[in-house]
N, C-alpha and C. Protein backbone atom coordinates (compact mmCIF):
# COMPACT_ATOMS: atom_id res chain seq x y z
N MET A 1 22.26 3.57 -4.51
CA MET A 1 22.07 4.41 -4.77
C MET A 1 21.96 5.34 -5.28
N VAL A 2 21.53 6.53 -5.93
CA VAL A 2 21.86 7.55 -7.08
C VAL A 2 21.72 8.91 -6.72
N ARG A 3 22.60 9.55 -7.10
CA ARG A 3 22.86 10.80 -6.80
C ARG A 3 21.53 11.70 -7.13
N THR A 4 21.03 12.23 -6.45
CA THR A 4 19.94 13.43 -7.48
C THR A 4 19.77 14.85 -6.82
N ALA A 5 20.07 14.93 -6.04
CA ALA A 5 19.69 16.54 -6.49
C ALA A 5 20.94 17.44 -5.24
N ARG A 6 21.36 18.59 -5.38
CA ARG A 6 22.19 19.16 -4.81
C ARG A 6 21.53 19.92 -4.00
N LEU A 7 21.18 20.35 -2.04
CA LEU A 7 20.96 21.32 -1.62
C LEU A 7 21.06 22.16 -0.95
N ALA A 8 19.77 22.63 -0.56
CA ALA A 8 20.31 24.07 -0.01
C ALA A 8 22.02 24.44 0.42
N ASP A 9 22.27 23.46 1.29
CA ASP A 9 23.21 23.25 2.53
C ASP A 9 23.92 22.66 2.26
N GLY A 10 24.43 22.46 0.70
CA GLY A 10 25.22 21.98 0.08
C GLY A 10 25.37 20.48 0.10
N ALA A 11 25.09 20.44 0.57
CA ALA A 11 24.88 18.03 0.64
C ALA A 11 23.83 17.66 -1.01
N ASP A 12 24.85 16.54 -0.72
CA ASP A 12 23.83 15.97 -2.21
C ASP A 12 22.76 14.84 -1.75
N GLU A 13 22.15 14.90 -2.80
CA GLU A 13 20.38 14.36 -2.11
C GLU A 13 20.55 12.48 -3.04
N TRP A 14 20.75 12.06 -2.09
CA TRP A 14 21.20 10.18 -2.65
C TRP A 14 19.39 9.81 -2.60
N SER A 15 19.01 8.96 -3.60
CA SER A 15 18.11 8.06 -3.30
C SER A 15 18.02 6.74 -4.00
N CYS A 16 17.05 5.42 -3.34
CA CYS A 16 17.16 4.39 -3.61
C CYS A 16 16.10 4.28 -4.34
N PRO A 17 16.20 3.98 -5.82
CA PRO A 17 14.90 3.46 -7.29
C PRO A 17 14.03 2.49 -6.18
N ALA A 18 14.19 1.77 -5.68
CA ALA A 18 14.11 0.71 -4.81
C ALA A 18 13.58 0.49 -3.98
N CYS A 19 14.09 1.32 -3.19
CA CYS A 19 13.21 0.46 -1.46
C CYS A 19 12.99 2.68 -1.09
N GLY A 20 13.64 3.60 -1.63
CA GLY A 20 12.57 4.59 -1.51
C GLY A 20 13.55 5.60 -0.11
N ARG A 21 14.46 4.90 -0.04
CA ARG A 21 14.84 5.47 1.30
C ARG A 21 15.98 6.58 0.56
N ARG A 22 15.90 7.68 0.82
CA ARG A 22 16.93 9.22 0.54
C ARG A 22 17.41 10.02 1.48
N ILE A 23 18.99 10.31 1.36
CA ILE A 23 20.00 10.42 2.13
C ILE A 23 20.27 11.93 1.80
N ALA A 24 21.28 12.83 3.09
CA ALA A 24 21.39 13.82 2.87
C ALA A 24 22.76 13.94 2.89
N LEU A 25 23.89 13.35 2.36
CA LEU A 25 25.86 13.66 2.45
C LEU A 25 26.03 14.69 1.98
N ARG A 26 26.78 15.56 2.74
CA ARG A 26 27.35 16.31 3.42
C ARG A 26 29.14 15.78 3.04
N CYS A 27 30.33 16.06 2.13
CA CYS A 27 31.63 15.75 2.01
C CYS A 27 32.80 17.02 3.24
N PRO A 28 33.55 16.14 3.80
CA PRO A 28 34.66 16.58 4.48
C PRO A 28 35.35 18.26 3.82
N PRO A 29 35.38 19.12 4.63
CA PRO A 29 35.48 18.97 5.83
C PRO A 29 34.50 19.05 6.75
N ASP A 30 33.07 19.35 6.36
CA ASP A 30 31.98 19.90 7.45
C ASP A 30 30.62 18.23 7.12
N PRO A 31 31.48 17.08 7.57
CA PRO A 31 30.90 16.10 6.38
C PRO A 31 29.63 15.14 7.36
N GLN A 32 28.29 15.38 6.97
CA GLN A 32 27.75 14.95 7.87
C GLN A 32 26.41 14.08 7.02
N LEU A 33 25.47 13.14 7.46
CA LEU A 33 25.03 12.27 6.76
C LEU A 33 23.58 12.66 7.99
N ARG A 34 22.45 12.49 6.94
CA ARG A 34 21.14 12.71 7.31
C ARG A 34 20.33 11.83 6.64
N VAL A 35 19.56 11.49 7.46
CA VAL A 35 18.34 10.03 6.67
C VAL A 35 17.29 11.42 6.24
N ILE A 36 17.07 11.46 5.40
CA ILE A 36 15.59 12.50 4.78
C ILE A 36 14.03 11.83 5.10
N ASP A 37 14.43 10.38 4.13
CA ASP A 37 13.34 8.69 4.56
C ASP A 37 13.77 8.00 4.43
N ALA A 38 13.81 7.24 5.13
CA ALA A 38 14.79 5.56 5.91
C ALA A 38 14.28 4.76 5.00
N GLY A 39 13.05 4.30 4.44
CA GLY A 39 12.38 3.44 2.71
C GLY A 39 12.82 1.88 3.39
N ASP A 40 13.52 0.93 3.12
CA ASP A 40 13.95 0.02 3.75
C ASP A 40 15.15 -0.03 4.74
N GLU A 41 14.71 -0.20 6.09
CA GLU A 41 16.18 0.33 6.96
C GLU A 41 16.43 -1.33 6.40
N SER A 42 16.19 -1.93 6.01
CA SER A 42 16.84 -3.60 5.68
C SER A 42 18.25 -4.48 4.93
N ALA A 43 17.76 -3.23 3.79
CA ALA A 43 18.08 -3.18 2.63
C ALA A 43 19.56 -2.88 2.68
N VAL A 44 20.73 -3.52 1.72
CA VAL A 44 22.34 -2.86 1.78
C VAL A 44 22.11 -1.37 0.58
N HIS A 45 22.81 -0.48 0.75
CA HIS A 45 22.91 -0.05 -0.69
C HIS A 45 24.34 0.81 -0.76
N ILE A 46 24.31 0.78 -2.21
CA ILE A 46 25.92 1.12 -2.43
C ILE A 46 25.21 2.47 -3.47
N GLY A 47 26.66 3.65 -3.14
CA GLY A 47 26.42 4.47 -3.51
C GLY A 47 27.88 4.87 -5.07
N VAL A 48 26.51 5.41 -6.07
CA VAL A 48 27.49 4.89 -7.91
C VAL A 48 28.10 6.26 -8.43
N THR A 49 29.21 7.03 -8.30
CA THR A 49 29.61 8.56 -8.68
C THR A 49 29.78 7.91 -10.15
N GLU A 50 30.71 6.84 -10.57
CA GLU A 50 31.66 7.07 -11.28
C GLU A 50 30.50 6.95 -12.64
N ALA A 51 30.94 7.79 -13.80
CA ALA A 51 29.75 8.48 -14.77
C ALA A 51 28.82 8.46 -14.64
N ASP A 52 28.17 8.57 -13.44
CA ASP A 52 26.54 8.95 -13.55
C ASP A 52 26.18 7.82 -13.43
N GLY A 53 26.60 6.74 -12.60
CA GLY A 53 26.33 5.71 -12.51
C GLY A 53 26.03 4.61 -14.11
N ALA A 54 27.05 4.99 -14.87
CA ALA A 54 27.45 4.08 -15.97
C ALA A 54 27.31 2.35 -15.94
N GLU A 55 27.11 2.27 -16.91
CA GLU A 55 26.45 0.65 -17.33
C GLU A 55 27.31 -0.41 -16.19
N GLY A 56 27.22 -0.83 -14.91
CA GLY A 56 28.19 -2.34 -14.67
C GLY A 56 28.77 -1.77 -13.29
N ALA A 57 28.71 0.21 -13.50
CA ALA A 57 29.23 0.44 -12.05
C ALA A 57 28.94 -0.28 -10.83
N ALA A 58 27.18 -0.49 -10.42
CA ALA A 58 26.98 -0.59 -9.24
C ALA A 58 27.42 -2.49 -8.69
N GLU A 59 27.46 -3.12 -9.96
CA GLU A 59 27.87 -4.34 -10.12
C GLU A 59 29.03 -4.63 -9.74
N GLY A 60 30.10 -3.47 -10.17
CA GLY A 60 31.72 -3.25 -9.88
C GLY A 60 32.04 -2.41 -8.35
N ALA A 61 30.82 -2.03 -8.31
CA ALA A 61 31.75 -1.92 -6.94
C ALA A 61 30.88 -2.94 -5.77
N ALA A 62 29.75 -3.88 -6.18
CA ALA A 62 29.33 -4.22 -5.45
C ALA A 62 30.31 -5.68 -5.27
N GLU A 63 31.06 -5.79 -5.94
CA GLU A 63 32.22 -6.96 -6.07
C GLU A 63 33.00 -6.50 -5.08
N ARG A 64 33.25 -5.42 -5.28
CA ARG A 64 34.65 -4.45 -4.72
C ARG A 64 34.59 -5.50 -3.47
N TYR A 65 33.18 -4.08 -2.67
CA TYR A 65 33.05 -4.48 -1.27
C TYR A 65 32.69 -5.63 -0.67
N GLY A 66 32.32 -6.69 -1.33
CA GLY A 66 31.90 -8.27 -1.15
C GLY A 66 30.52 -8.63 -0.95
N LEU A 67 29.63 -8.32 -1.46
CA LEU A 67 27.96 -8.02 -1.55
C LEU A 67 27.70 -8.67 -2.95
N GLY A 68 28.22 -9.95 -3.02
CA GLY A 68 27.69 -10.04 -4.52
C GLY A 68 27.55 -9.46 -5.66
N PRO A 69 26.30 -10.35 -6.40
CA PRO A 69 25.56 -9.67 -7.40
C PRO A 69 24.25 -8.06 -6.68
N ILE A 70 24.22 -7.47 -7.57
CA ILE A 70 23.30 -6.57 -7.19
C ILE A 70 22.09 -7.40 -7.38
N GLN A 71 20.73 -7.13 -7.05
CA GLN A 71 19.22 -7.93 -7.22
C GLN A 71 18.48 -7.27 -6.73
N GLU A 72 17.58 -7.37 -7.75
CA GLU A 72 16.27 -6.82 -6.17
C GLU A 72 15.54 -8.15 -6.18
N ILE A 73 15.04 -7.55 -4.41
CA ILE A 73 15.15 -8.66 -3.95
C ILE A 73 13.40 -7.95 -3.24
N PRO A 74 12.65 -8.93 -3.35
CA PRO A 74 10.81 -8.50 -3.34
C PRO A 74 10.63 -7.75 -1.78
N ARG A 75 9.77 -7.32 -1.07
CA ARG A 75 9.36 -7.11 0.30
C ARG A 75 8.85 -8.44 0.62
N PRO A 76 9.03 -8.39 1.73
CA PRO A 76 8.06 -9.43 2.10
C PRO A 76 6.67 -8.81 2.78
N PRO A 77 5.29 -10.21 2.52
CA PRO A 77 4.53 -8.89 2.79
C PRO A 77 4.49 -8.56 4.45
N SER A 78 3.54 -8.32 3.99
CA SER A 78 3.14 -7.37 5.35
C SER A 78 2.35 -8.44 5.96
N ARG A 79 2.31 -7.80 7.34
CA ARG A 79 1.87 -8.78 8.45
C ARG A 79 0.22 -8.92 8.71
N PRO A 80 -0.06 -9.96 8.68
CA PRO A 80 -2.04 -9.92 8.51
C PRO A 80 -2.63 -9.44 9.97
N VAL A 81 -3.67 -8.55 9.89
CA VAL A 81 -4.38 -8.21 10.87
C VAL A 81 -4.52 -8.39 11.96
N ARG A 82 -3.99 -8.37 13.25
CA ARG A 82 -4.58 -8.75 13.93
C ARG A 82 -5.85 -8.99 14.27
N GLU A 83 -7.14 -9.47 14.21
CA GLU A 83 -8.48 -9.64 15.43
C GLU A 83 -8.45 -9.19 16.41
N PRO A 84 -8.35 -8.53 16.95
CA PRO A 84 -9.07 -8.65 18.48
C PRO A 84 -10.10 -9.91 18.98
N SER A 85 -9.31 -10.01 20.09
CA SER A 85 -10.43 -11.27 20.71
C SER A 85 -11.87 -11.19 21.39
N ALA A 86 -12.14 -11.53 21.90
CA ALA A 86 -13.79 -11.18 22.42
C ALA A 86 -13.59 -10.21 23.80
N ARG A 87 -12.70 -10.27 24.22
CA ARG A 87 -12.41 -9.50 25.23
C ARG A 87 -11.88 -8.22 24.88
N GLU A 88 -10.93 -8.57 24.05
CA GLU A 88 -10.20 -6.80 23.99
C GLU A 88 -11.75 -6.78 22.88
N ALA A 89 -11.92 -7.21 22.76
CA ALA A 89 -13.39 -6.42 21.86
C ALA A 89 -14.54 -5.24 22.97
N ALA A 90 -14.77 -6.76 24.44
CA ALA A 90 -15.86 -6.37 24.89
C ALA A 90 -15.03 -4.92 25.52
N ALA A 91 -13.76 -4.79 25.82
CA ALA A 91 -13.05 -3.86 26.78
C ALA A 91 -12.16 -2.46 25.66
N ASP A 92 -12.22 -2.56 24.64
CA ASP A 92 -12.48 -1.06 23.91
C ASP A 92 -14.22 -0.54 23.52
N ALA A 93 -15.40 -1.59 23.18
CA ALA A 93 -16.39 -0.93 23.36
C ALA A 93 -17.14 -0.34 24.77
N ALA A 94 -16.31 -1.30 26.08
CA ALA A 94 -16.89 -0.69 27.16
C ALA A 94 -16.20 0.96 27.61
N GLY A 95 -15.06 1.64 26.92
CA GLY A 95 -14.14 2.22 27.35
C GLY A 95 -13.41 2.22 28.27
N PRO A 96 -13.29 3.71 28.84
CA PRO A 96 -11.64 3.58 29.71
C PRO A 96 -12.44 3.12 31.06
N ASP A 97 -11.95 2.24 32.14
CA ASP A 97 -12.10 2.27 33.33
C ASP A 97 -12.08 3.23 34.41
N ALA A 98 -12.24 2.90 35.65
CA ALA A 98 -12.29 4.30 36.57
C ALA A 98 -10.94 4.85 37.13
N ASP A 99 -10.23 3.87 36.61
CA ASP A 99 -8.88 4.40 36.61
C ASP A 99 -8.63 5.12 35.56
N ASP A 100 -8.42 5.06 34.39
CA ASP A 100 -8.14 5.69 33.43
C ASP A 100 -9.05 6.49 33.47
N ARG A 101 -10.05 6.91 33.73
CA ARG A 101 -10.91 8.00 33.59
C ARG A 101 -10.47 9.13 34.94
N ALA A 102 -9.85 8.02 35.67
CA ALA A 102 -9.64 10.02 36.77
C ALA A 102 -7.85 9.99 35.97
N TRP A 103 -7.10 9.50 35.31
CA TRP A 103 -6.09 9.45 34.49
C TRP A 103 -6.03 11.10 33.72
N LEU A 104 -6.87 10.15 32.68
CA LEU A 104 -7.55 11.23 31.92
C LEU A 104 -7.64 12.59 31.94
N ALA A 105 -8.66 12.63 33.55
CA ALA A 105 -9.21 13.14 34.20
C ALA A 105 -8.51 14.65 34.52
N GLY A 106 -7.15 13.94 35.20
CA GLY A 106 -6.20 14.76 35.82
C GLY A 106 -4.85 15.21 34.45
N ILE A 107 -5.07 14.50 33.22
CA ILE A 107 -4.83 15.25 32.19
C ILE A 107 -5.52 16.58 31.49
N GLY A 108 -6.72 16.19 31.97
CA GLY A 108 -7.67 17.45 31.52
C GLY A 108 -8.31 17.62 30.51
N ILE A 109 -8.54 15.92 30.45
CA ILE A 109 -9.40 15.36 29.46
C ILE A 109 -10.95 14.85 30.34
N ASP A 110 -11.98 15.01 30.03
CA ASP A 110 -13.24 14.43 30.13
C ASP A 110 -13.88 13.88 29.60
N TRP A 111 -13.80 12.86 29.20
CA TRP A 111 -13.97 11.61 28.66
C TRP A 111 -15.87 12.31 28.28
N ASP A 112 -16.48 11.59 29.04
CA ASP A 112 -17.89 11.23 29.09
C ASP A 112 -18.54 13.01 28.51
N GLY A 113 -17.79 14.42 28.46
CA GLY A 113 -18.58 15.17 27.95
C GLY A 113 -17.67 15.97 27.15
N ASP A 114 -17.53 17.35 27.30
CA ASP A 114 -17.20 18.33 25.92
C ASP A 114 -16.15 18.49 26.41
N ALA A 115 -16.19 19.11 27.36
CA ALA A 115 -14.40 19.09 28.33
C ALA A 115 -13.10 18.96 28.14
N ALA A 116 -12.09 19.56 27.79
CA ALA A 116 -10.89 19.45 27.19
C ALA A 116 -10.05 20.72 27.37
N ALA A 117 -9.05 19.86 27.72
CA ALA A 117 -7.56 20.93 28.84
C ALA A 117 -7.39 21.87 27.23
């Protein structure tokens, strides 16, 4: 991770150029870690401040913490979209049943008309 900015509240913003994770990190005496953008939550991140990310600093930090060599790991492909079964498609086309319509009416939604809460 790379330090990218100093926020108005005094925290440092760190971001990962590979997965998009962004955090705000405030140091003691009032430490705080706030996730701004989760990015890839399965990725392992190392923050490097030595000479603003000098050549080899990330690799050295990874070795110190036993994480092995730094490498770009491609993201897995997204799951294929599951097509609904014929039964599910028919149920969706028919709309809500009587129980669902009663529940909708109870929270102020008139499914068949224009009235809404």
